[in-house]
């Protein structure tokens, strides 16, 4: 049996020298991609109060897709900036679609 011990070393990426410009550029691209994903995930959709079942079905489909919804209350005048909503579920030609808030 060998009593030889190997020195444990932390893994390093041998393809890019540590601190290289290429490594920093890749990190910047990765951070930008993550920020873009976070921004899309943080988008909230305002759904005004309604007893219309078609609107509720459309809201349910959005939830199933993983969208964040903010539901309004009866008679509410929404402040979109305060609610953090940049999108809104609106009815156009009998169909419910997501549009930017104005």
N, C-alpha and C. Protein backbone atom coordinates (compact mmCIF):
# COMPACT_ATOMS: atom_id res chain seq x y z
N UNK A 1 0.83 -1.17 0.00
CA UNK A 1 0.00 0.00 0.00
C UNK A 1 0.88 1.24 0.00
N UNK A 2 0.52 2.19 -0.81
CA UNK A 2 1.32 3.39 -0.94
C UNK A 2 0.93 4.42 0.11
N UNK A 3 1.92 5.04 0.67
CA UNK A 3 1.67 6.11 1.65
C UNK A 3 1.78 7.48 0.99
N UNK A 4 1.88 7.47 -0.33
CA UNK A 4 2.01 8.71 -1.08
C UNK A 4 0.69 9.47 -1.06
N UNK A 5 0.72 10.71 -0.71
CA UNK A 5 -0.49 11.55 -0.68
C UNK A 5 -0.41 12.59 -1.78
N UNK A 6 -1.53 12.81 -2.40
CA UNK A 6 -1.57 13.85 -3.41
C UNK A 6 -2.08 15.13 -2.80
N UNK A 7 -1.53 16.20 -3.26
CA UNK A 7 -1.96 17.51 -2.76
C UNK A 7 -3.28 17.87 -3.42
N UNK A 8 -4.27 18.19 -2.61
CA UNK A 8 -5.57 18.58 -3.16
C UNK A 8 -5.51 20.02 -3.62
N UNK A 9 -5.94 20.25 -4.83
CA UNK A 9 -5.94 21.60 -5.38
C UNK A 9 -7.35 21.95 -5.85
N UNK A 10 -7.65 23.21 -5.74
CA UNK A 10 -8.95 23.68 -6.23
C UNK A 10 -8.97 23.58 -7.75
N UNK A 11 -10.14 23.29 -8.28
CA UNK A 11 -10.29 23.18 -9.73
C UNK A 11 -10.08 24.55 -10.37
N UNK A 12 -9.31 24.58 -11.42
CA UNK A 12 -9.14 25.80 -12.19
C UNK A 12 -9.43 25.48 -13.65
N UNK A 13 -9.99 26.45 -14.33
CA UNK A 13 -10.28 26.28 -15.75
C UNK A 13 -8.97 26.47 -16.52
N UNK A 14 -8.48 25.41 -17.11
CA UNK A 14 -7.20 25.46 -17.80
C UNK A 14 -7.29 26.10 -19.17
N UNK A 15 -8.48 26.32 -19.68
CA UNK A 15 -8.62 26.91 -21.00
C UNK A 15 -8.43 28.42 -20.99
N UNK A 16 -8.70 29.05 -19.88
CA UNK A 16 -8.55 30.49 -19.79
C UNK A 16 -7.67 30.83 -18.60
N UNK A 17 -6.65 31.62 -18.83
CA UNK A 17 -5.82 32.02 -17.70
C UNK A 17 -6.64 32.81 -16.69
N UNK A 18 -6.33 32.63 -15.43
CA UNK A 18 -7.07 33.32 -14.37
C UNK A 18 -6.89 34.83 -14.53
N UNK A 19 -8.00 35.56 -14.54
CA UNK A 19 -7.94 37.01 -14.65
C UNK A 19 -7.76 37.51 -16.08
N UNK A 20 -7.94 36.66 -17.05
CA UNK A 20 -7.75 37.08 -18.44
C UNK A 20 -8.92 37.93 -18.91
N UNK A 21 -8.71 38.68 -19.97
CA UNK A 21 -9.77 39.50 -20.55
C UNK A 21 -10.91 38.61 -21.05
N UNK A 22 -10.57 37.44 -21.60
CA UNK A 22 -11.59 36.52 -22.10
C UNK A 22 -12.48 36.04 -20.96
N UNK A 23 -11.88 35.75 -19.84
CA UNK A 23 -12.65 35.29 -18.68
C UNK A 23 -13.58 36.37 -18.17
N UNK A 24 -13.09 37.61 -18.12
CA UNK A 24 -13.94 38.72 -17.66
C UNK A 24 -15.08 38.97 -18.63
N UNK A 25 -14.80 38.86 -19.94
CA UNK A 25 -15.84 39.07 -20.94
C UNK A 25 -16.93 38.01 -20.81
N UNK A 26 -16.52 36.76 -20.61
CA UNK A 26 -17.51 35.69 -20.44
C UNK A 26 -18.36 35.93 -19.20
N UNK A 27 -17.74 36.37 -18.11
CA UNK A 27 -18.50 36.66 -16.90
C UNK A 27 -19.49 37.80 -17.12
N UNK A 28 -19.06 38.82 -17.86
CA UNK A 28 -19.95 39.94 -18.14
C UNK A 28 -21.14 39.50 -18.99
N UNK A 29 -20.90 38.64 -19.97
CA UNK A 29 -21.98 38.12 -20.80
C UNK A 29 -22.94 37.29 -19.95
N UNK A 30 -22.39 36.48 -19.08
CA UNK A 30 -23.22 35.63 -18.22
C UNK A 30 -24.06 36.48 -17.28
N UNK A 31 -23.46 37.51 -16.68
CA UNK A 31 -24.20 38.40 -15.78
C UNK A 31 -25.31 39.13 -16.53
N UNK A 32 -25.02 39.59 -17.76
CA UNK A 32 -26.03 40.29 -18.56
C UNK A 32 -27.18 39.35 -18.89
N UNK A 33 -26.88 38.10 -19.22
CA UNK A 33 -27.92 37.12 -19.53
C UNK A 33 -28.78 36.84 -18.30
N UNK A 34 -28.15 36.72 -17.14
CA UNK A 34 -28.90 36.47 -15.90
C UNK A 34 -29.77 37.67 -15.56
N UNK A 35 -29.26 38.89 -15.75
CA UNK A 35 -30.06 40.08 -15.48
C UNK A 35 -31.26 40.16 -16.42
N UNK A 36 -31.07 39.77 -17.66
CA UNK A 36 -32.19 39.78 -18.62
C UNK A 36 -33.25 38.78 -18.20
N UNK A 37 -32.83 37.60 -17.77
CA UNK A 37 -33.78 36.58 -17.31
C UNK A 37 -34.51 37.07 -16.07
N UNK A 38 -33.78 37.69 -15.14
CA UNK A 38 -34.40 38.22 -13.92
C UNK A 38 -35.41 39.32 -14.26
N UNK A 39 -35.08 40.17 -15.21
CA UNK A 39 -35.99 41.26 -15.60
C UNK A 39 -37.27 40.70 -16.19
N UNK A 40 -37.14 39.66 -17.03
CA UNK A 40 -38.34 39.04 -17.61
C UNK A 40 -39.19 38.37 -16.53
N UNK A 41 -38.53 37.74 -15.57
CA UNK A 41 -39.26 37.05 -14.50
C UNK A 41 -39.94 38.04 -13.56
N UNK A 42 -39.37 39.23 -13.43
CA UNK A 42 -39.92 40.22 -12.52
C UNK A 42 -41.09 40.99 -13.12
N UNK A 43 -41.33 40.83 -14.42
CA UNK A 43 -42.43 41.54 -15.05
C UNK A 43 -43.75 41.04 -14.49
N UNK A 44 -44.54 41.98 -14.04
CA UNK A 44 -45.86 41.65 -13.51
C UNK A 44 -46.93 42.12 -14.49
N UNK A 45 -47.99 41.36 -14.55
CA UNK A 45 -49.11 41.69 -15.44
C UNK A 45 -50.30 42.08 -14.57
N UNK A 46 -50.84 43.27 -14.80
CA UNK A 46 -52.01 43.70 -14.05
C UNK A 46 -53.27 43.15 -14.71
N UNK A 47 -54.11 42.54 -13.90
CA UNK A 47 -55.38 41.99 -14.37
C UNK A 47 -56.49 42.74 -13.63
N UNK A 48 -57.24 43.61 -14.32
CA UNK A 48 -58.31 44.35 -13.65
C UNK A 48 -59.42 43.41 -13.19
N UNK A 49 -60.12 43.83 -12.16
CA UNK A 49 -61.22 43.02 -11.64
C UNK A 49 -62.32 42.91 -12.69
N UNK A 50 -62.83 41.69 -12.82
CA UNK A 50 -63.94 41.46 -13.74
C UNK A 50 -64.60 40.14 -13.37
N UNK A 51 -65.88 40.03 -13.67
CA UNK A 51 -66.59 38.77 -13.47
C UNK A 51 -66.67 37.99 -14.78
N UNK A 52 -66.01 38.51 -15.81
CA UNK A 52 -65.98 37.86 -17.12
C UNK A 52 -65.16 36.57 -17.03
N UNK A 53 -65.77 35.45 -17.31
CA UNK A 53 -65.08 34.16 -17.20
C UNK A 53 -63.98 33.99 -18.24
N UNK A 54 -64.13 34.63 -19.39
CA UNK A 54 -63.08 34.53 -20.42
C UNK A 54 -61.80 35.22 -19.94
N UNK A 55 -61.96 36.34 -19.23
CA UNK A 55 -60.79 37.02 -18.68
C UNK A 55 -60.12 36.15 -17.61
N UNK A 56 -60.92 35.52 -16.80
CA UNK A 56 -60.37 34.64 -15.75
C UNK A 56 -59.64 33.45 -16.36
N UNK A 57 -60.18 32.90 -17.46
CA UNK A 57 -59.51 31.79 -18.14
C UNK A 57 -58.16 32.25 -18.71
N UNK A 58 -58.15 33.46 -19.28
CA UNK A 58 -56.91 34.00 -19.84
C UNK A 58 -55.88 34.21 -18.73
N UNK A 59 -56.33 34.71 -17.57
CA UNK A 59 -55.43 34.91 -16.44
C UNK A 59 -54.89 33.57 -15.93
N UNK A 60 -55.74 32.58 -15.91
CA UNK A 60 -55.30 31.26 -15.46
C UNK A 60 -54.24 30.67 -16.39
N UNK A 61 -54.43 30.86 -17.70
CA UNK A 61 -53.44 30.38 -18.67
C UNK A 61 -52.10 31.08 -18.47
N UNK A 62 -52.15 32.38 -18.16
CA UNK A 62 -50.91 33.12 -17.91
C UNK A 62 -50.21 32.58 -16.67
N UNK A 63 -50.98 32.29 -15.63
CA UNK A 63 -50.40 31.72 -14.40
C UNK A 63 -49.76 30.36 -14.68
N UNK A 64 -50.42 29.55 -15.49
CA UNK A 64 -49.88 28.23 -15.82
C UNK A 64 -48.57 28.34 -16.58
N UNK A 65 -48.38 29.45 -17.31
CA UNK A 65 -47.12 29.68 -18.02
C UNK A 65 -46.05 30.25 -17.10
N UNK A 66 -46.40 30.50 -15.84
CA UNK A 66 -45.42 31.00 -14.87
C UNK A 66 -45.35 32.51 -14.78
N UNK A 67 -46.33 33.21 -15.32
CA UNK A 67 -46.33 34.67 -15.27
C UNK A 67 -46.78 35.15 -13.91
N UNK A 68 -46.27 36.32 -13.49
CA UNK A 68 -46.67 36.94 -12.23
C UNK A 68 -47.83 37.89 -12.50
N UNK A 69 -48.95 37.68 -11.82
CA UNK A 69 -50.13 38.50 -12.01
C UNK A 69 -50.43 39.30 -10.76
N UNK A 70 -50.90 40.53 -10.98
CA UNK A 70 -51.40 41.37 -9.91
C UNK A 70 -52.86 41.61 -10.23
N UNK A 71 -53.75 41.12 -9.38
CA UNK A 71 -55.19 41.21 -9.63
C UNK A 71 -55.75 42.48 -8.99
N UNK A 72 -56.58 43.18 -9.76
CA UNK A 72 -57.20 44.40 -9.27
C UNK A 72 -58.43 44.11 -8.43
N UNK A 73 -58.88 45.13 -7.76
CA UNK A 73 -60.08 45.03 -6.93
C UNK A 73 -61.18 45.87 -7.59
N UNK A 74 -62.45 45.63 -7.22
CA UNK A 74 -63.54 46.39 -7.84
C UNK A 74 -63.37 47.90 -7.63
N UNK A 75 -63.47 48.66 -8.71
CA UNK A 75 -63.39 50.12 -8.63
C UNK A 75 -61.97 50.66 -8.46
N UNK A 76 -60.98 49.84 -8.56
CA UNK A 76 -59.61 50.28 -8.34
C UNK A 76 -59.08 51.08 -9.53
N UNK A 77 -58.44 52.21 -9.25
CA UNK A 77 -57.71 52.98 -10.27
C UNK A 77 -56.24 52.64 -10.05
N UNK A 78 -55.69 51.71 -10.83
CA UNK A 78 -54.34 51.22 -10.55
C UNK A 78 -53.24 52.24 -10.83
N UNK A 79 -52.26 52.26 -9.93
CA UNK A 79 -51.03 53.01 -10.15
C UNK A 79 -50.00 51.97 -10.57
N UNK A 80 -49.79 51.84 -11.87
CA UNK A 80 -48.95 50.77 -12.40
C UNK A 80 -47.52 50.83 -11.89
N UNK A 81 -46.98 52.04 -11.73
CA UNK A 81 -45.61 52.18 -11.24
C UNK A 81 -45.51 51.67 -9.80
N UNK A 82 -46.49 52.00 -8.99
CA UNK A 82 -46.49 51.56 -7.60
C UNK A 82 -46.65 50.04 -7.50
N UNK A 83 -47.45 49.47 -8.37
CA UNK A 83 -47.66 48.02 -8.37
C UNK A 83 -46.51 47.27 -9.04
N UNK A 84 -45.68 47.97 -9.79
CA UNK A 84 -44.57 47.34 -10.49
C UNK A 84 -45.02 46.59 -11.73
N UNK A 85 -46.13 47.02 -12.31
CA UNK A 85 -46.68 46.35 -13.51
C UNK A 85 -46.39 47.19 -14.74
N UNK A 86 -45.76 46.56 -15.71
CA UNK A 86 -45.50 47.23 -16.98
C UNK A 86 -46.37 46.65 -18.08
N UNK A 87 -47.13 45.60 -17.75
CA UNK A 87 -48.02 44.95 -18.70
C UNK A 87 -49.41 44.86 -18.10
N UNK A 88 -50.41 44.70 -18.97
CA UNK A 88 -51.80 44.65 -18.52
C UNK A 88 -52.59 43.71 -19.43
N UNK A 89 -53.50 42.98 -18.84
CA UNK A 89 -54.38 42.11 -19.61
C UNK A 89 -55.59 42.93 -20.05
N UNK A 90 -55.77 43.05 -21.36
CA UNK A 90 -56.88 43.85 -21.90
C UNK A 90 -57.65 43.04 -22.93
N UNK A 91 -58.89 43.44 -23.14
CA UNK A 91 -59.73 42.78 -24.13
C UNK A 91 -59.67 43.55 -25.45
N UNK A 92 -59.34 42.84 -26.53
CA UNK A 92 -59.31 43.43 -27.86
C UNK A 92 -60.04 42.50 -28.82
N UNK A 93 -61.09 42.98 -29.41
CA UNK A 93 -61.88 42.21 -30.37
C UNK A 93 -62.35 40.88 -29.79
N UNK A 94 -62.79 40.91 -28.53
CA UNK A 94 -63.32 39.71 -27.88
C UNK A 94 -62.27 38.75 -27.36
N UNK A 95 -60.98 39.07 -27.53
CA UNK A 95 -59.90 38.22 -27.03
C UNK A 95 -59.10 38.98 -25.99
N UNK A 96 -58.55 38.28 -25.02
CA UNK A 96 -57.75 38.91 -23.98
C UNK A 96 -56.27 38.73 -24.33
N UNK A 97 -55.59 39.88 -24.39
CA UNK A 97 -54.17 39.88 -24.74
C UNK A 97 -53.41 40.75 -23.73
N UNK A 98 -52.11 40.50 -23.65
CA UNK A 98 -51.25 41.27 -22.76
C UNK A 98 -50.64 42.41 -23.55
N UNK A 99 -50.82 43.63 -23.04
CA UNK A 99 -50.30 44.84 -23.68
C UNK A 99 -49.53 45.67 -22.65
N UNK A 100 -48.59 46.48 -23.12
CA UNK A 100 -47.89 47.38 -22.19
C UNK A 100 -48.86 48.41 -21.61
N UNK A 101 -48.60 48.79 -20.38
CA UNK A 101 -49.43 49.82 -19.75
C UNK A 101 -49.04 51.17 -20.34
N UNK A 102 -49.98 52.07 -20.40
CA UNK A 102 -49.72 53.39 -21.01
C UNK A 102 -49.64 54.42 -19.93
